[in-house]
Amino acid sequence: MILEILISTMNKKDLSFLDKMFVNNNLNNFQILIINQTTPNYILKSSLNNIRIINTFEYGLSKSRNLAIENAIGDICLIADDDVEYVKGFKKIITDAYILHNNAGAIIFNSEINGYLRNPKYLLQSKRVTRIKECFSVTSVDISFRRKYIQNSNIKFNVLMGLNSPFMSGEEFVFLNDILKQTKIYYKDKLILRHSEISTGTKISLMQIIPNYAIQYHLVYPNMFYFKVVKLIIHLLFRREISISKIHLIFSMCLKARNKYLKLLTN
């Protein structure tokens, strides 16, 4: 069972960033595909047989992820960013999980940010994921998948979502929802990586994230869109993240975001 690491990065000149990612493991033991979104001045190359590189002049994190999925060759693929540090023996943790769950299309693992395990709210122990809401706060780098399932089902990331896209987050939730419609997803409460600092994707203010929530509701809960928006507003009020005077603004932002998304689809 071959594990392939699908790394999305930008404007890299050399492979030195891999040293930190695999400081606890032997880099030579891994099949790696790097998608380097770049310019003609920064073409990344590899002389190593186990590291493949695709340089692309398109931008957008979801476009990078999709290019990696299309060109992946491993039996099991792990989505990766260039700023993570894998724990020792993470490869065995992942392959053992797929041996145990031989019907899994995808398996989500745990990660650590600034010394804290980031178990998603609904995933506090190893289990089969039966409801998509259990994946609401899962990040891309926690996601692994069986390549044939994803490629044969033509499941991809939404290119209108993710960093350097019209809607900057939420693409993981929609991606996992598409997988869950087709096959089985499991969560394993096993640590596979660490972030030394908060990733770029989490440095978003509440007002910036509201439109992204709206698009997730539109795509995942199309018949419950208004209910989900109202529930979000109640949640924000209860947590005192917004005042009553902001209710109309939040509702309006959600409607405008959905209209913007629908308009972008026709362009």
C-alpha atoms as a PDB file:
ATOM      1  CA  MET A   1       0.000   0.000   0.000  1.00  0.00           C
ATOM      2  CA  ILE A   2       1.723   3.164  -1.246  1.00  0.00           C
ATOM      3  CA  LEU A   3       1.107   6.403   0.654  1.00  0.00           C
ATOM      4  CA  GLU A   4       1.566   9.551  -1.412  1.00  0.00           C
ATOM      5  CA  ILE A   5       1.848  13.022   0.122  1.00  0.00           C
ATOM      6  CA  LEU A   6       0.165  15.731  -1.991  1.00  0.00           C
ATOM      7  CA  ILE A   7       1.830  19.047  -1.117  1.00  0.00           C
ATOM      8  CA  SER A   8       0.479  22.414  -2.233  1.00  0.00           C
ATOM      9  CA  THR A   9       2.987  25.273  -2.173  1.00  0.00           C
ATOM     10  CA  MET A  10       3.887  28.522  -3.925  1.00  0.00           C
ATOM     11  CA  ASN A  11       6.994  30.099  -5.460  1.00  0.00           C
ATOM     12  CA  LYS A  12       9.491  27.568  -4.117  1.00  0.00           C
ATOM     13  CA  LYS A  13      13.050  27.684  -5.440  1.00  0.00           C
ATOM     14  CA  ASP A  14      14.288  24.443  -3.859  1.00  0.00           C
ATOM     15  CA  LEU A  15      13.189  21.477  -1.768  1.00  0.00           C
ATOM     16  CA  SER A  16      14.647  22.633   1.543  1.00  0.00           C
ATOM     17  CA  PHE A  17      11.151  23.158   3.004  1.00  0.00           C
ATOM     18  CA  LEU A  18      10.763  19.362   3.030  1.00  0.00           C
ATOM     19  CA  ASP A  19      13.468  19.042   5.688  1.00  0.00           C
ATOM     20  CA  LYS A  20      11.228  20.526   8.377  1.00  0.00           C
ATOM     21  CA  MET A  21       8.148  18.647   7.186  1.00  0.00           C
ATOM     22  CA  PHE A  22       9.926  15.287   7.471  1.00  0.00           C
ATOM     23  CA  VAL A  23      12.391  16.072  10.267  1.00  0.00           C
ATOM     24  CA  ASN A  24      11.062  13.088  12.261  1.00  0.00           C
ATOM     25  CA  ASN A  25      10.967  10.695   9.305  1.00  0.00           C
ATOM     26  CA  ASN A  26      13.173   9.536   6.448  1.00  0.00           C
ATOM     27  CA  LEU A  27      12.197  11.590   3.393  1.00  0.00           C
ATOM     28  CA  ASN A  28      13.407   8.843   1.078  1.00  0.00           C
ATOM     29  CA  ASN A  29      10.662   6.526   2.331  1.00  0.00           C
ATOM     30  CA  PHE A  30       7.843   8.654   0.941  1.00  0.00           C
ATOM     31  CA  GLN A  31       6.237   9.141  -2.431  1.00  0.00           C
ATOM     32  CA  ILE A  32       5.650  12.891  -2.792  1.00  0.00           C
ATOM     33  CA  LEU A  33       3.844  15.038  -5.344  1.00  0.00           C
ATOM     34  CA  ILE A  34       4.442  18.791  -5.091  1.00  0.00           C
ATOM     35  CA  ILE A  35       2.173  21.301  -6.811  1.00  0.00           C
ATOM     36  CA  ASN A  36       4.137  24.548  -7.021  1.00  0.00           C
ATOM     37  CA  GLN A  37       1.995  27.523  -8.015  1.00  0.00           C
ATOM     38  CA  THR A  38       4.583  29.889  -9.387  1.00  0.00           C
ATOM     39  CA  THR A  39       5.831  32.169 -12.146  1.00  0.00           C
ATOM     40  CA  PRO A  40       8.303  31.413 -14.963  1.00  0.00           C
ATOM     41  CA  ASN A  41      11.043  32.830 -12.703  1.00  0.00           C
ATOM     42  CA  TYR A  42      10.531  30.208  -9.976  1.00  0.00           C
ATOM     43  CA  ILE A  43      10.515  26.742 -11.539  1.00  0.00           C
ATOM     44  CA  LEU A  44      10.981  24.017  -8.960  1.00  0.00           C
ATOM     45  CA  LYS A  45      12.836  20.858  -9.962  1.00  0.00           C
ATOM     46  CA  SER A  46      13.598  17.500  -8.381  1.00  0.00           C
ATOM     47  CA  SER A  47      16.392  15.021  -9.011  1.00  0.00           C
ATOM     48  CA  LEU A  48      14.899  12.475  -6.589  1.00  0.00           C
ATOM     49  CA  ASN A  49      12.913   9.525  -7.896  1.00  0.00           C
ATOM     50  CA  ASN A  50      10.382   9.648  -5.071  1.00  0.00           C
ATOM     51  CA  ILE A  51       9.536  13.343  -5.516  1.00  0.00           C
ATOM     52  CA  ARG A  52       7.488  14.535  -8.464  1.00  0.00           C
ATOM     53  CA  ILE A  53       6.850  18.216  -9.149  1.00  0.00           C
ATOM     54  CA  ILE A  54       4.238  20.016 -11.212  1.00  0.00           C
ATOM     55  CA  ASN A  55       4.823  23.730 -11.706  1.00  0.00           C
ATOM     56  CA  THR A  56       1.674  25.645 -12.592  1.00  0.00           C
ATOM     57  CA  PHE A  57       1.012  29.306 -13.299  1.00  0.00           C
ATOM     58  CA  GLU A  58      -2.572  29.133 -12.031  1.00  0.00           C
ATOM     59  CA  TYR A  59      -3.389  30.338  -8.527  1.00  0.00           C
ATOM     60  CA  GLY A  60      -5.931  29.156  -5.992  1.00  0.00           C
ATOM     61  CA  LEU A  61      -5.456  26.513  -3.302  1.00  0.00           C
ATOM     62  CA  SER A  62      -8.362  24.367  -4.505  1.00  0.00           C
ATOM     63  CA  LYS A  63      -6.952  24.406  -8.041  1.00  0.00           C
ATOM     64  CA  SER A  64      -3.662  23.183  -6.585  1.00  0.00           C
ATOM     65  CA  ARG A  65      -5.394  20.399  -4.638  1.00  0.00           C
ATOM     66  CA  ASN A  66      -7.329  19.305  -7.729  1.00  0.00           C
ATOM     67  CA  LEU A  67      -4.214  19.187  -9.876  1.00  0.00           C
ATOM     68  CA  ALA A  68      -2.602  16.983  -7.236  1.00  0.00           C
ATOM     69  CA  ILE A  69      -5.622  14.652  -7.127  1.00  0.00           C
ATOM     70  CA  GLU A  70      -5.667  14.343 -10.914  1.00  0.00           C
ATOM     71  CA  ASN A  71      -1.968  13.395 -11.030  1.00  0.00           C
ATOM     72  CA  ALA A  72      -1.744  11.284  -7.878  1.00  0.00           C
ATOM     73  CA  ILE A  73      -0.472   7.700  -8.212  1.00  0.00           C
ATOM     74  CA  GLY A  74      -0.421   6.427  -4.621  1.00  0.00           C
ATOM     75  CA  ASP A  75      -2.922   3.926  -3.243  1.00  0.00           C
ATOM     76  CA  ILE A  76      -3.586   6.270  -0.315  1.00  0.00           C
ATOM     77  CA  CYS A  77      -3.137  10.033  -0.589  1.00  0.00           C
ATOM     78  CA  LEU A  78      -2.608  12.561   2.193  1.00  0.00           C
ATOM     79  CA  ILE A  79      -3.359  16.230   1.585  1.00  0.00           C
ATOM     80  CA  ALA A  80      -0.515  18.477   2.760  1.00  0.00           C
ATOM     81  CA  ASP A  81       0.655  22.061   3.100  1.00  0.00           C
ATOM     82  CA  ASP A  82       4.295  23.121   3.182  1.00  0.00           C
ATOM     83  CA  ASP A  83       4.230  24.293   6.815  1.00  0.00           C
ATOM     84  CA  VAL A  84       3.355  21.086   8.665  1.00  0.00           C
ATOM     85  CA  GLU A  85       5.666  18.769  10.598  1.00  0.00           C
ATOM     86  CA  TYR A  86       4.798  15.078  10.517  1.00  0.00           C
ATOM     87  CA  VAL A  87       5.220  13.019  13.675  1.00  0.00           C
ATOM     88  CA  LYS A  88       7.497   9.997  13.705  1.00  0.00           C
ATOM     89  CA  GLY A  89       5.827   6.908  12.275  1.00  0.00           C
ATOM     90  CA  PHE A  90       2.810   8.726  10.811  1.00  0.00           C
ATOM     91  CA  LYS A  91       2.987   6.600   7.676  1.00  0.00           C
ATOM     92  CA  LYS A  92       2.257   3.420   9.629  1.00  0.00           C
ATOM     93  CA  ILE A  93      -0.589   5.130  11.489  1.00  0.00           C
ATOM     94  CA  ILE A  94      -2.244   5.950   8.172  1.00  0.00           C
ATOM     95  CA  THR A  95      -1.668   2.632   6.403  1.00  0.00           C
ATOM     96  CA  ASP A  96      -2.764   0.653   9.473  1.00  0.00           C
ATOM     97  CA  ALA A  97      -5.999   2.640   9.534  1.00  0.00           C
ATOM     98  CA  TYR A  98      -6.751   1.724   5.922  1.00  0.00           C
ATOM     99  CA  ILE A  99      -5.985  -1.935   6.575  1.00  0.00           C
ATOM    100  CA  LEU A 100      -8.406  -1.860   9.503  1.00  0.00           C
ATOM    101  CA  HIS A 101     -11.075   0.054   7.562  1.00  0.00           C
ATOM    102  CA  ASN A 102     -10.739  -1.571   4.155  1.00  0.00           C
ATOM    103  CA  ASN A 103     -14.050  -0.060   3.012  1.00  0.00           C
ATOM    104  CA  ALA A 104     -12.990   3.526   3.762  1.00  0.00           C
ATOM    105  CA  GLY A 105     -12.945   6.067   0.960  1.00  0.00           C
ATOM    106  CA  ALA A 106     -11.376   8.646   3.265  1.00  0.00           C
ATOM    107  CA  ILE A 107      -9.955   8.765   6.781  1.00  0.00           C
ATOM    108  CA  ILE A 108      -9.524  11.913   8.860  1.00  0.00           C
ATOM    109  CA  PHE A 109      -6.688  12.111  11.389  1.00  0.00           C
ATOM    110  CA  ASN A 110      -5.828  14.494  14.212  1.00  0.00           C
ATOM    111  CA  SER A 111      -3.309  17.335  14.236  1.00  0.00           C
ATOM    112  CA  GLU A 112      -1.761  19.694  16.749  1.00  0.00           C
ATOM    113  CA  ILE A 113      -1.597  23.482  16.521  1.00  0.00           C
ATOM    114  CA  ASN A 114       0.592  25.421  18.926  1.00  0.00           C
ATOM    115  CA  GLY A 115       0.732  22.444  21.266  1.00  0.00           C
ATOM    116  CA  TYR A 116      -3.021  21.798  21.339  1.00  0.00           C
ATOM    117  CA  LEU A 117      -4.789  18.860  19.724  1.00  0.00           C
ATOM    118  CA  ARG A 118      -7.450  20.213  17.434  1.00  0.00           C
ATOM    119  CA  ASN A 119     -10.089  17.484  17.653  1.00  0.00           C
ATOM    120  CA  PRO A 120     -13.110  18.769  15.710  1.00  0.00           C
ATOM    121  CA  LYS A 121     -16.134  19.347  17.942  1.00  0.00           C
ATOM    122  CA  TYR A 122     -17.970  16.170  16.969  1.00  0.00           C
ATOM    123  CA  LEU A 123     -14.901  13.958  16.573  1.00  0.00           C
ATOM    124  CA  LEU A 124     -13.649  13.175  20.054  1.00  0.00           C
ATOM    125  CA  GLN A 125     -12.873   9.507  19.481  1.00  0.00           C
ATOM    126  CA  SER A 126     -12.169   7.112  16.621  1.00  0.00           C
ATOM    127  CA  LYS A 127     -15.406   6.377  14.784  1.00  0.00           C
ATOM    128  CA  ARG A 128     -17.155   6.166  11.450  1.00  0.00           C
ATOM    129  CA  VAL A 129     -18.423   9.544  10.283  1.00  0.00           C
ATOM    130  CA  THR A 130     -22.163   9.287   9.615  1.00  0.00           C
ATOM    131  CA  ARG A 131     -23.182  12.956   9.524  1.00  0.00           C
ATOM    132  CA  ILE A 132     -21.394  15.631   7.564  1.00  0.00           C
ATOM    133  CA  LYS A 133     -21.737  18.150  10.410  1.00  0.00           C
ATOM    134  CA  GLU A 134     -19.137  16.054  12.247  1.00  0.00           C
ATOM    135  CA  CYS A 135     -16.587  17.335   9.712  1.00  0.00           C
ATOM    136  CA  PHE A 136     -17.420  21.039   9.916  1.00  0.00           C
ATOM    137  CA  SER A 137     -14.077  22.107  11.420  1.00  0.00           C
ATOM    138  CA  VAL A 138     -11.801  19.538   9.754  1.00  0.00           C
ATOM    139  CA  THR A 139      -8.815  21.052   7.939  1.00  0.00           C
ATOM    140  CA  SER A 140      -7.403  19.821   4.634  1.00  0.00           C
ATOM    141  CA  VAL A 141      -4.151  18.493   6.104  1.00  0.00           C
ATOM    142  CA  ASP A 142      -6.112  16.089   8.337  1.00  0.00           C
ATOM    143  CA  ILE A 143      -7.673  14.414   5.285  1.00  0.00           C
ATOM    144  CA  SER A 144      -6.435  11.260   3.586  1.00  0.00           C
ATOM    145  CA  PHE A 145      -8.271   9.323   0.902  1.00  0.00           C
ATOM    146  CA  ARG A 146      -8.176   6.209  -1.231  1.00  0.00           C
ATOM    147  CA  ARG A 147      -7.073   7.542  -4.607  1.00  0.00           C
ATOM    148  CA  LYS A 148      -9.170   5.272  -6.829  1.00  0.00           C
ATOM    149  CA  TYR A 149     -12.381   6.140  -4.968  1.00  0.00           C
ATOM    150  CA  ILE A 150     -11.834   9.864  -5.424  1.00  0.00           C
ATOM    151  CA  GLN A 151     -10.551   9.775  -8.994  1.00  0.00           C
ATOM    152  CA  ASN A 152     -13.200   7.322 -10.215  1.00  0.00           C
ATOM    153  CA  SER A 153     -15.950   9.388  -8.582  1.00  0.00           C
ATOM    154  CA  ASN A 154     -14.456  12.612 -10.032  1.00  0.00           C
ATOM    155  CA  ILE A 155     -14.593  14.269  -6.612  1.00  0.00           C
ATOM    156  CA  LYS A 156     -12.710  17.563  -6.511  1.00  0.00           C
ATOM    157  CA  PHE A 157     -12.345  20.694  -4.430  1.00  0.00           C
ATOM    158  CA  ASN A 158     -14.632  23.588  -5.332  1.00  0.00           C
ATOM    159  CA  VAL A 159     -12.384  26.106  -7.124  1.00  0.00           C
ATOM    160  CA  LEU A 160     -14.525  29.029  -5.983  1.00  0.00           C
ATOM    161  CA  MET A 161     -13.546  28.207  -2.398  1.00  0.00           C
ATOM    162  CA  GLY A 162     -10.209  28.177  -0.584  1.00  0.00           C
ATOM    163  CA  LEU A 163      -7.286  30.599  -0.343  1.00  0.00           C
ATOM    164  CA  ASN A 164      -6.837  32.870  -3.385  1.00  0.00           C
ATOM    165  CA  SER A 165     -10.437  32.163  -4.423  1.00  0.00           C
ATOM    166  CA  PRO A 166     -13.635  34.271  -4.203  1.00  0.00           C
ATOM    167  CA  PHE A 167     -14.589  32.482  -0.967  1.00  0.00           C
ATOM    168  CA  MET A 168     -11.482  31.905   1.122  1.00  0.00           C
ATOM    169  CA  SER A 169     -12.448  28.912   3.268  1.00  0.00           C
ATOM    170  CA  GLY A 170     -14.851  26.002   3.714  1.00  0.00           C
ATOM    171  CA  GLU A 171     -13.632  23.930   0.787  1.00  0.00           C
ATOM    172  CA  GLU A 172     -12.729  20.968   3.029  1.00  0.00           C
ATOM    173  CA  PHE A 173     -16.273  20.681   4.376  1.00  0.00           C
ATOM    174  CA  VAL A 174     -17.780  20.648   0.886  1.00  0.00           C
ATOM    175  CA  PHE A 175     -15.123  18.196  -0.338  1.00  0.00           C
ATOM    176  CA  LEU A 176     -15.835  15.781   2.526  1.00  0.00           C
ATOM    177  CA  ASN A 177     -19.570  16.110   1.947  1.00  0.00           C
ATOM    178  CA  ASP A 178     -19.086  14.997  -1.662  1.00  0.00           C
ATOM    179  CA  ILE A 179     -17.033  12.030  -0.456  1.00  0.00           C
ATOM    180  CA  LEU A 180     -19.603  11.047   2.175  1.00  0.00           C
ATOM    181  CA  LYS A 181     -22.303  10.912  -0.519  1.00  0.00           C
ATOM    182  CA  GLN A 182     -20.259   8.317  -2.410  1.00  0.00           C
ATOM    183  CA  THR A 183     -18.451   6.201   0.166  1.00  0.00           C
ATOM    184  CA  LYS A 184     -17.498   5.800   3.841  1.00  0.00           C
ATOM    185  CA  ILE A 185     -15.440   8.210   5.935  1.00  0.00           C
ATOM    186  CA  TYR A 186     -13.745   7.329   9.224  1.00  0.00           C
ATOM    187  CA  TYR A 187     -12.079   9.456  11.881  1.00  0.00           C
ATOM    188  CA  LYS A 188      -9.030   8.120  13.729  1.00  0.00           C
ATOM    189  CA  ASP A 189      -8.031   9.921  16.908  1.00  0.00           C
ATOM    190  CA  LYS A 190      -4.344   9.585  16.061  1.00  0.00           C
ATOM    191  CA  LEU A 191      -1.908  12.482  15.836  1.00  0.00           C
ATOM    192  CA  ILE A 192      -0.083  12.634  12.499  1.00  0.00           C
ATOM    193  CA  LEU A 193       1.212  16.213  12.268  1.00  0.00           C
ATOM    194  CA  ARG A 194       1.920  19.483  14.041  1.00  0.00           C
ATOM    195  CA  HIS A 195       1.608  23.135  13.088  1.00  0.00           C
ATOM    196  CA  SER A 196       4.075  25.429  14.816  1.00  0.00           C
ATOM    197  CA  GLU A 197       1.759  28.385  14.246  1.00  0.00           C
ATOM    198  CA  ILE A 198      -1.766  29.128  13.106  1.00  0.00           C
ATOM    199  CA  SER A 199      -2.096  28.547   9.393  1.00  0.00           C
ATOM    200  CA  THR A 200      -3.028  31.329   6.984  1.00  0.00           C
ATOM    201  CA  GLY A 201      -6.444  29.800   6.505  1.00  0.00           C
ATOM    202  CA  THR A 202      -7.427  30.442  10.131  1.00  0.00           C
ATOM    203  CA  LYS A 203      -6.408  34.123  10.225  1.00  0.00           C
ATOM    204  CA  ILE A 204      -9.861  35.302   9.172  1.00  0.00           C
ATOM    205  CA  SER A 205     -12.167  37.695  11.012  1.00  0.00           C
ATOM    206  CA  LEU A 206     -15.806  36.893  11.732  1.00  0.00           C
ATOM    207  CA  MET A 207     -17.081  39.282   9.064  1.00  0.00           C
ATOM    208  CA  GLN A 208     -14.769  37.652   6.532  1.00  0.00           C
ATOM    209  CA  ILE A 209     -15.894  34.144   7.415  1.00  0.00           C
ATOM    210  CA  ILE A 210     -19.658  34.776   7.281  1.00  0.00           C
ATOM    211  CA  PRO A 211     -19.892  34.625   3.441  1.00  0.00           C
ATOM    212  CA  ASN A 212     -17.943  31.345   3.503  1.00  0.00           C
ATOM    213  CA  TYR A 213     -20.439  29.850   5.946  1.00  0.00           C
ATOM    214  CA  ALA A 214     -23.221  30.895   3.605  1.00  0.00           C
ATOM    215  CA  ILE A 215     -21.684  29.068   0.646  1.00  0.00           C
ATOM    216  CA  GLN A 216     -21.161  25.934   2.727  1.00  0.00           C
ATOM    217  CA  TYR A 217     -24.836  26.018   3.723  1.00  0.00           C
ATOM    218  CA  HIS A 218     -25.873  26.565   0.101  1.00  0.00           C
ATOM    219  CA  LEU A 219     -23.842  23.614  -1.168  1.00  0.00           C
ATOM    220  CA  VAL A 220     -24.267  21.131   1.680  1.00  0.00           C
ATOM    221  CA  TYR A 221     -27.741  22.018   2.951  1.00  0.00           C
ATOM    222  CA  PRO A 222     -29.491  23.529  -0.100  1.00  0.00           C
ATOM    223  CA  ASN A 223     -32.985  22.901   1.266  1.00  0.00           C
ATOM    224  CA  MET A 224     -32.100  24.235   4.707  1.00  0.00           C
ATOM    225  CA  PHE A 225     -30.191  27.362   3.704  1.00  0.00           C
ATOM    226  CA  TYR A 226     -32.378  29.891   5.527  1.00  0.00           C
ATOM    227  CA  PHE A 227     -32.680  27.665   8.582  1.00  0.00           C
ATOM    228  CA  LYS A 228     -28.888  27.341   8.779  1.00  0.00           C
ATOM    229  CA  VAL A 229     -28.412  31.111   8.425  1.00  0.00           C
ATOM    230  CA  VAL A 230     -30.892  31.804  11.222  1.00  0.00           C
ATOM    231  CA  LYS A 231     -29.250  29.143  13.380  1.00  0.00           C
ATOM    232  CA  LEU A 232     -25.854  30.775  12.756  1.00  0.00           C
ATOM    233  CA  ILE A 233     -27.188  34.175  13.808  1.00  0.00           C
ATOM    234  CA  ILE A 234     -28.679  32.722  17.003  1.00  0.00           C
ATOM    235  CA  HIS A 235     -25.366  31.002  17.738  1.00  0.00           C
ATOM    236  CA  LEU A 236     -23.422  34.253  17.276  1.00  0.00           C
ATOM    237  CA  LEU A 237     -25.867  36.127  19.490  1.00  0.00           C
ATOM    238  CA  PHE A 238     -25.646  33.483  22.196  1.00  0.00           C
ATOM    239  CA  ARG A 239     -21.853  33.668  22.160  1.00  0.00           C
ATOM    240  CA  ARG A 240     -22.052  37.480  22.136  1.00  0.00           C
ATOM    241  CA  GLU A 241     -19.985  37.658  18.968  1.00  0.00           C
ATOM    242  CA  ILE A 242     -22.559  39.984  17.421  1.00  0.00           C
ATOM    243  CA  SER A 243     -25.167  42.368  18.818  1.00  0.00           C
ATOM    244  CA  ILE A 244     -28.875  42.407  17.932  1.00  0.00           C
ATOM    245  CA  SER A 245     -28.208  45.380  15.682  1.00  0.00           C
ATOM    246  CA  LYS A 246     -26.042  43.141  13.461  1.00  0.00           C
ATOM    247  CA  ILE A 247     -28.750  40.560  12.695  1.00  0.00           C
ATOM    248  CA  HIS A 248     -29.916  42.208   9.492  1.00  0.00           C
ATOM    249  CA  LEU A 249     -26.319  42.709   8.346  1.00  0.00           C
ATOM    250  CA  ILE A 250     -25.395  39.043   8.840  1.00  0.00           C
ATOM    251  CA  PHE A 251     -28.542  37.838   7.087  1.00  0.00           C
ATOM    252  CA  SER A 252     -27.912  40.232   4.198  1.00  0.00           C
ATOM    253  CA  MET A 253     -24.264  39.135   3.923  1.00  0.00           C
ATOM    254  CA  CYS A 254     -25.334  35.501   3.595  1.00  0.00           C
ATOM    255  CA  LEU A 255     -27.850  36.271   0.850  1.00  0.00           C
ATOM    256  CA  LYS A 256     -25.358  38.418  -1.042  1.00  0.00           C
ATOM    257  CA  ALA A 257     -22.707  35.703  -0.777  1.00  0.00           C
ATOM    258  CA  ARG A 258     -25.046  33.081  -2.218  1.00  0.00           C
ATOM    259  CA  ASN A 259     -26.057  35.410  -5.063  1.00  0.00           C
ATOM    260  CA  LYS A 260     -22.412  36.157  -5.784  1.00  0.00           C
ATOM    261  CA  TYR A 261     -21.619  32.453  -5.873  1.00  0.00           C
ATOM    262  CA  LEU A 262     -24.492  31.717  -8.277  1.00  0.00           C
ATOM    263  CA  LYS A 263     -23.383  34.560 -10.506  1.00  0.00           C
ATOM    264  CA  LEU A 264     -19.789  33.282 -10.573  1.00  0.00           C
ATOM    265  CA  LEU A 265     -21.056  29.863 -11.681  1.00  0.00           C
ATOM    266  CA  THR A 266     -22.552  31.403 -14.816  1.00  0.00           C
ATOM    267  CA  ASN A 267     -19.412  33.314 -15.771  1.00  0.00           C
END
